[in-house]
Amino acid sequence: MDAGLAALIGTGIGSTATLAAAWVNGRIQARTQRAQWSRERRRDAYAAYLTALYDRDTAMDAVREALEPGAPDLREVEEKLQRFVALARDVHRAAEIVILEGPESIEEAADRVAHASRDLSEAVRRLVEDARAGDAARKAADLETAAGRERILYRAVADFRTAAREVLTP
């Protein structure tokens, strides 16, 4: 084989190897960037959800505090309740994004938070209904029930944070 042909074949092989390496490298980089983009979207969704939960829980605390006096100011209770309801809607919207972004483990954790939230909301709703009716007979027991359900909710939120951290850690 003559030297020119050998050089041409060597150049062809080198070029092909360089192109193949560039293609593989590009695919790896694209996959890495896609994974990073997905983690960022999930992190943003999880953070928005946790923020919405915090805001809603702060509003629920305000409702409970307004109910604590012997004769609560029902106007104040209603105002705080309306704020809570609006923030609860924000939580539901944020949860939909969390579920959309996934994965299933996050959806399950968010579902546990939703169940715990609903249980606590029911206890507070009963307190509000009794305050509206002027009935304080079961107030102490309902406040205790609400406190217990609040602890369950906080545990569910902590579990959600743990699940989110696991999903976001590469």
C-alpha atoms as a PDB file:
ATOM      1  CA  MET A   1       0.000   0.000   0.000  1.00  0.00           C
ATOM      2  CA  ASP A   2       1.352   3.358  -0.822  1.00  0.00           C
ATOM      3  CA  ALA A   3       1.937   6.039   1.822  1.00  0.00           C
ATOM      4  CA  GLY A   4      -0.693   8.434   0.432  1.00  0.00           C
ATOM      5  CA  LEU A   5      -3.434   5.810   0.567  1.00  0.00           C
ATOM      6  CA  ALA A   6      -2.412   4.785   4.109  1.00  0.00           C
ATOM      7  CA  ALA A   7      -2.511   8.424   5.201  1.00  0.00           C
ATOM      8  CA  LEU A   8      -5.950   8.846   3.621  1.00  0.00           C
ATOM      9  CA  ILE A   9      -7.276   5.714   5.349  1.00  0.00           C
ATOM     10  CA  GLY A  10      -5.724   6.817   8.668  1.00  0.00           C
ATOM     11  CA  THR A  11      -7.287  10.248   8.322  1.00  0.00           C
ATOM     12  CA  GLY A  12     -10.673   8.675   7.541  1.00  0.00           C
ATOM     13  CA  ILE A  13     -10.480   6.402  10.568  1.00  0.00           C
ATOM     14  CA  GLY A  14      -9.351   9.268  12.797  1.00  0.00           C
ATOM     15  CA  SER A  15     -12.141  11.518  11.535  1.00  0.00           C
ATOM     16  CA  THR A  16     -14.734   8.813  12.028  1.00  0.00           C
ATOM     17  CA  ALA A  17     -13.492   8.118  15.554  1.00  0.00           C
ATOM     18  CA  THR A  18     -13.527  11.853  16.351  1.00  0.00           C
ATOM     19  CA  LEU A  19     -17.076  12.242  15.010  1.00  0.00           C
ATOM     20  CA  ALA A  20     -18.262   9.176  16.922  1.00  0.00           C
ATOM     21  CA  ALA A  21     -16.679  10.431  20.138  1.00  0.00           C
ATOM     22  CA  ALA A  22     -18.248  13.872  19.620  1.00  0.00           C
ATOM     23  CA  TRP A  23     -21.644  12.294  18.979  1.00  0.00           C
ATOM     24  CA  VAL A  24     -21.429  10.095  22.112  1.00  0.00           C
ATOM     25  CA  ASN A  25     -20.193  13.036  24.164  1.00  0.00           C
ATOM     26  CA  GLY A  26     -23.041  15.210  22.874  1.00  0.00           C
ATOM     27  CA  ARG A  27     -25.617  12.552  23.758  1.00  0.00           C
ATOM     28  CA  ILE A  28     -24.204  12.193  27.264  1.00  0.00           C
ATOM     29  CA  GLN A  29     -24.168  15.954  27.741  1.00  0.00           C
ATOM     30  CA  ALA A  30     -27.747  16.275  26.463  1.00  0.00           C
ATOM     31  CA  ARG A  31     -28.915  13.530  28.836  1.00  0.00           C
ATOM     32  CA  THR A  32     -27.123  15.208  31.744  1.00  0.00           C
ATOM     33  CA  GLN A  33     -28.660  18.586  30.900  1.00  0.00           C
ATOM     34  CA  ARG A  34     -32.126  17.032  30.611  1.00  0.00           C
ATOM     35  CA  ALA A  35     -31.722  15.392  34.029  1.00  0.00           C
ATOM     36  CA  GLN A  36     -30.556  18.695  35.540  1.00  0.00           C
ATOM     37  CA  TRP A  37     -33.486  20.542  33.956  1.00  0.00           C
ATOM     38  CA  SER A  38     -35.891  17.929  35.344  1.00  0.00           C
ATOM     39  CA  ARG A  39     -34.388  18.212  38.843  1.00  0.00           C
ATOM     40  CA  GLU A  40     -34.707  22.007  38.723  1.00  0.00           C
ATOM     41  CA  ARG A  41     -38.373  21.834  37.652  1.00  0.00           C
ATOM     42  CA  ARG A  42     -39.116  19.324  40.386  1.00  0.00           C
ATOM     43  CA  ARG A  43     -37.254  21.363  42.993  1.00  0.00           C
ATOM     44  CA  ASP A  44     -39.246  24.453  42.024  1.00  0.00           C
ATOM     45  CA  ALA A  45     -42.534  22.520  42.178  1.00  0.00           C
ATOM     46  CA  TYR A  46     -41.682  20.962  45.542  1.00  0.00           C
ATOM     47  CA  ALA A  47     -40.573  24.312  46.965  1.00  0.00           C
ATOM     48  CA  ALA A  48     -43.762  26.026  45.765  1.00  0.00           C
ATOM     49  CA  TYR A  49     -45.821  23.252  47.359  1.00  0.00           C
ATOM     50  CA  LEU A  50     -43.996  23.507  50.684  1.00  0.00           C
ATOM     51  CA  THR A  51     -44.384  27.304  50.634  1.00  0.00           C
ATOM     52  CA  ALA A  52     -48.115  26.994  49.936  1.00  0.00           C
ATOM     53  CA  LEU A  53     -48.432  24.460  52.767  1.00  0.00           C
ATOM     54  CA  TYR A  54     -46.617  26.784  55.164  1.00  0.00           C
ATOM     55  CA  ASP A  55     -48.818  29.747  54.244  1.00  0.00           C
ATOM     56  CA  ARG A  56     -51.983  27.672  54.564  1.00  0.00           C
ATOM     57  CA  ASP A  57     -50.897  26.218  57.910  1.00  0.00           C
ATOM     58  CA  THR A  58     -50.120  29.696  59.230  1.00  0.00           C
ATOM     59  CA  ALA A  59     -53.633  30.758  58.212  1.00  0.00           C
ATOM     60  CA  MET A  60     -55.107  27.707  59.941  1.00  0.00           C
ATOM     61  CA  ASP A  61     -53.179  28.566  63.103  1.00  0.00           C
ATOM     62  CA  ALA A  62     -54.704  32.040  62.939  1.00  0.00           C
ATOM     63  CA  VAL A  63     -58.200  30.520  62.722  1.00  0.00           C
ATOM     64  CA  ARG A  64     -57.491  28.319  65.731  1.00  0.00           C
ATOM     65  CA  GLU A  65     -56.105  31.261  67.704  1.00  0.00           C
ATOM     66  CA  ALA A  66     -59.196  33.322  66.872  1.00  0.00           C
ATOM     67  CA  LEU A  67     -61.335  30.467  68.216  1.00  0.00           C
ATOM     68  CA  GLU A  68     -59.473  30.175  71.536  1.00  0.00           C
ATOM     69  CA  PRO A  69     -61.143  32.954  73.559  1.00  0.00           C
ATOM     70  CA  GLY A  70     -64.214  31.968  75.546  1.00  0.00           C
ATOM     71  CA  ALA A  71     -66.432  34.020  73.226  1.00  0.00           C
ATOM     72  CA  PRO A  72     -64.563  34.339  69.922  1.00  0.00           C
ATOM     73  CA  ASP A  73     -65.208  37.293  67.629  1.00  0.00           C
ATOM     74  CA  LEU A  74     -67.041  35.505  64.824  1.00  0.00           C
ATOM     75  CA  ARG A  75     -66.267  38.245  62.322  1.00  0.00           C
ATOM     76  CA  GLU A  76     -62.558  37.768  62.955  1.00  0.00           C
ATOM     77  CA  VAL A  77     -62.949  33.986  62.758  1.00  0.00           C
ATOM     78  CA  GLU A  78     -64.759  34.294  59.399  1.00  0.00           C
ATOM     79  CA  GLU A  79     -62.088  36.617  57.972  1.00  0.00           C
ATOM     80  CA  LYS A  80     -59.328  34.261  58.991  1.00  0.00           C
ATOM     81  CA  LEU A  81     -61.303  31.289  57.707  1.00  0.00           C
ATOM     82  CA  GLN A  82     -61.705  32.923  54.283  1.00  0.00           C
ATOM     83  CA  ARG A  83     -57.952  33.495  54.100  1.00  0.00           C
ATOM     84  CA  PHE A  84     -57.370  29.866  55.043  1.00  0.00           C
ATOM     85  CA  VAL A  85     -59.760  28.646  52.309  1.00  0.00           C
ATOM     86  CA  ALA A  86     -58.029  30.780  49.670  1.00  0.00           C
ATOM     87  CA  LEU A  87     -54.616  29.476  50.709  1.00  0.00           C
ATOM     88  CA  ALA A  88     -55.924  25.891  50.743  1.00  0.00           C
ATOM     89  CA  ARG A  89     -56.794  26.347  47.059  1.00  0.00           C
ATOM     90  CA  ASP A  90     -53.208  27.445  46.437  1.00  0.00           C
ATOM     91  CA  VAL A  91     -52.006  24.229  48.085  1.00  0.00           C
ATOM     92  CA  HIS A  92     -54.219  22.149  45.805  1.00  0.00           C
ATOM     93  CA  ARG A  93     -52.892  23.929  42.712  1.00  0.00           C
ATOM     94  CA  ALA A  94     -49.297  23.441  43.862  1.00  0.00           C
ATOM     95  CA  ALA A  95     -50.004  19.764  44.604  1.00  0.00           C
ATOM     96  CA  GLU A  96     -51.195  19.241  41.037  1.00  0.00           C
ATOM     97  CA  ILE A  97     -47.817  20.451  39.733  1.00  0.00           C
ATOM     98  CA  VAL A  98     -45.999  18.212  42.214  1.00  0.00           C
ATOM     99  CA  ILE A  99     -48.017  15.230  41.006  1.00  0.00           C
ATOM    100  CA  LEU A 100     -47.372  16.163  37.390  1.00  0.00           C
ATOM    101  CA  GLU A 101     -43.622  16.426  37.936  1.00  0.00           C
ATOM    102  CA  GLY A 102     -43.559  13.130  39.875  1.00  0.00           C
ATOM    103  CA  PRO A 103     -42.243  10.601  40.531  1.00  0.00           C
ATOM    104  CA  GLU A 104     -44.774   8.272  42.148  1.00  0.00           C
ATOM    105  CA  SER A 105     -43.017   8.372  45.532  1.00  0.00           C
ATOM    106  CA  ILE A 106     -43.618  12.131  45.664  1.00  0.00           C
ATOM    107  CA  GLU A 107     -47.244  11.711  44.660  1.00  0.00           C
ATOM    108  CA  GLU A 108     -47.695   9.230  47.512  1.00  0.00           C
ATOM    109  CA  ALA A 109     -46.021  11.596  50.003  1.00  0.00           C
ATOM    110  CA  ALA A 110     -48.173  14.511  48.802  1.00  0.00           C
ATOM    111  CA  ASP A 111     -51.257  12.318  49.137  1.00  0.00           C
ATOM    112  CA  ARG A 112     -50.374  11.575  52.774  1.00  0.00           C
ATOM    113  CA  VAL A 113     -50.012  15.329  53.383  1.00  0.00           C
ATOM    114  CA  ALA A 114     -53.404  15.921  51.750  1.00  0.00           C
ATOM    115  CA  HIS A 115     -55.093  13.319  53.959  1.00  0.00           C
ATOM    116  CA  ALA A 116     -53.503  14.719  57.118  1.00  0.00           C
ATOM    117  CA  SER A 117     -54.473  18.256  56.040  1.00  0.00           C
ATOM    118  CA  ARG A 118     -58.049  17.213  55.415  1.00  0.00           C
ATOM    119  CA  ASP A 119     -58.271  15.553  58.836  1.00  0.00           C
ATOM    120  CA  LEU A 120     -56.980  18.681  60.560  1.00  0.00           C
ATOM    121  CA  SER A 121     -59.266  20.918  58.497  1.00  0.00           C
ATOM    122  CA  GLU A 122     -62.261  18.829  59.556  1.00  0.00           C
ATOM    123  CA  ALA A 123     -61.370  19.306  63.228  1.00  0.00           C
ATOM    124  CA  VAL A 124     -61.026  23.072  62.746  1.00  0.00           C
ATOM    125  CA  ARG A 125     -64.246  23.195  60.705  1.00  0.00           C
ATOM    126  CA  ARG A 126     -66.071  21.581  63.603  1.00  0.00           C
ATOM    127  CA  LEU A 127     -64.611  24.170  65.984  1.00  0.00           C
ATOM    128  CA  VAL A 128     -65.825  26.949  63.678  1.00  0.00           C
ATOM    129  CA  GLU A 129     -69.305  25.435  63.367  1.00  0.00           C
ATOM    130  CA  ASP A 130     -69.585  25.130  67.143  1.00  0.00           C
ATOM    131  CA  ALA A 131     -68.409  28.735  67.592  1.00  0.00           C
ATOM    132  CA  ARG A 132     -71.052  29.891  65.113  1.00  0.00           C
ATOM    133  CA  ALA A 133     -73.683  27.979  67.067  1.00  0.00           C
ATOM    134  CA  GLY A 134     -72.369  29.300  70.393  1.00  0.00           C
ATOM    135  CA  ASP A 135     -71.722  25.726  71.563  1.00  0.00           C
ATOM    136  CA  ALA A 136     -68.531  25.316  73.597  1.00  0.00           C
ATOM    137  CA  ALA A 137     -69.375  21.893  75.036  1.00  0.00           C
ATOM    138  CA  ARG A 138     -66.793  19.945  73.045  1.00  0.00           C
ATOM    139  CA  LYS A 139     -64.340  22.777  72.418  1.00  0.00           C
ATOM    140  CA  ALA A 140     -61.565  21.439  74.672  1.00  0.00           C
ATOM    141  CA  ALA A 141     -61.801  17.966  73.161  1.00  0.00           C
ATOM    142  CA  ASP A 142     -61.860  19.391  69.621  1.00  0.00           C
ATOM    143  CA  LEU A 143     -58.836  21.592  70.328  1.00  0.00           C
ATOM    144  CA  GLU A 144     -56.985  18.522  71.583  1.00  0.00           C
ATOM    145  CA  THR A 145     -58.043  16.566  68.483  1.00  0.00           C
ATOM    146  CA  ALA A 146     -56.841  19.410  66.261  1.00  0.00           C
ATOM    147  CA  ALA A 147     -53.482  19.506  68.048  1.00  0.00           C
ATOM    148  CA  GLY A 148     -53.015  15.767  67.534  1.00  0.00           C
ATOM    149  CA  ARG A 149     -53.943  16.017  63.871  1.00  0.00           C
ATOM    150  CA  GLU A 150     -51.561  18.929  63.484  1.00  0.00           C
ATOM    151  CA  ARG A 151     -48.701  16.736  64.730  1.00  0.00           C
ATOM    152  CA  ILE A 152     -49.670  14.073  62.178  1.00  0.00           C
ATOM    153  CA  LEU A 153     -49.704  16.719  59.452  1.00  0.00           C
ATOM    154  CA  TYR A 154     -46.260  18.015  60.421  1.00  0.00           C
ATOM    155  CA  ARG A 155     -44.905  14.450  60.271  1.00  0.00           C
ATOM    156  CA  ALA A 156     -46.438  13.986  56.809  1.00  0.00           C
ATOM    157  CA  VAL A 157     -44.854  17.253  55.623  1.00  0.00           C
ATOM    158  CA  ALA A 158     -41.480  16.165  57.041  1.00  0.00           C
ATOM    159  CA  ASP A 159     -41.861  12.865  55.171  1.00  0.00           C
ATOM    160  CA  PHE A 160     -42.640  14.799  51.981  1.00  0.00           C
ATOM    161  CA  ARG A 161     -39.456  16.845  52.415  1.00  0.00           C
ATOM    162  CA  THR A 162     -37.457  13.640  52.881  1.00  0.00           C
ATOM    163  CA  ALA A 163     -38.995  12.088  49.760  1.00  0.00           C
ATOM    164  CA  ALA A 164     -38.311  15.263  47.785  1.00  0.00           C
ATOM    165  CA  ARG A 165     -34.700  15.330  48.925  1.00  0.00           C
ATOM    166  CA  GLU A 166     -34.262  11.709  47.796  1.00  0.00           C
ATOM    167  CA  VAL A 167     -35.708  12.496  44.375  1.00  0.00           C
ATOM    168  CA  LEU A 168     -33.576  15.606  43.930  1.00  0.00           C
ATOM    169  CA  THR A 169     -30.284  14.067  45.005  1.00  0.00           C
ATOM    170  CA  PRO A 170     -28.483  12.850  41.884  1.00  0.00           C
END
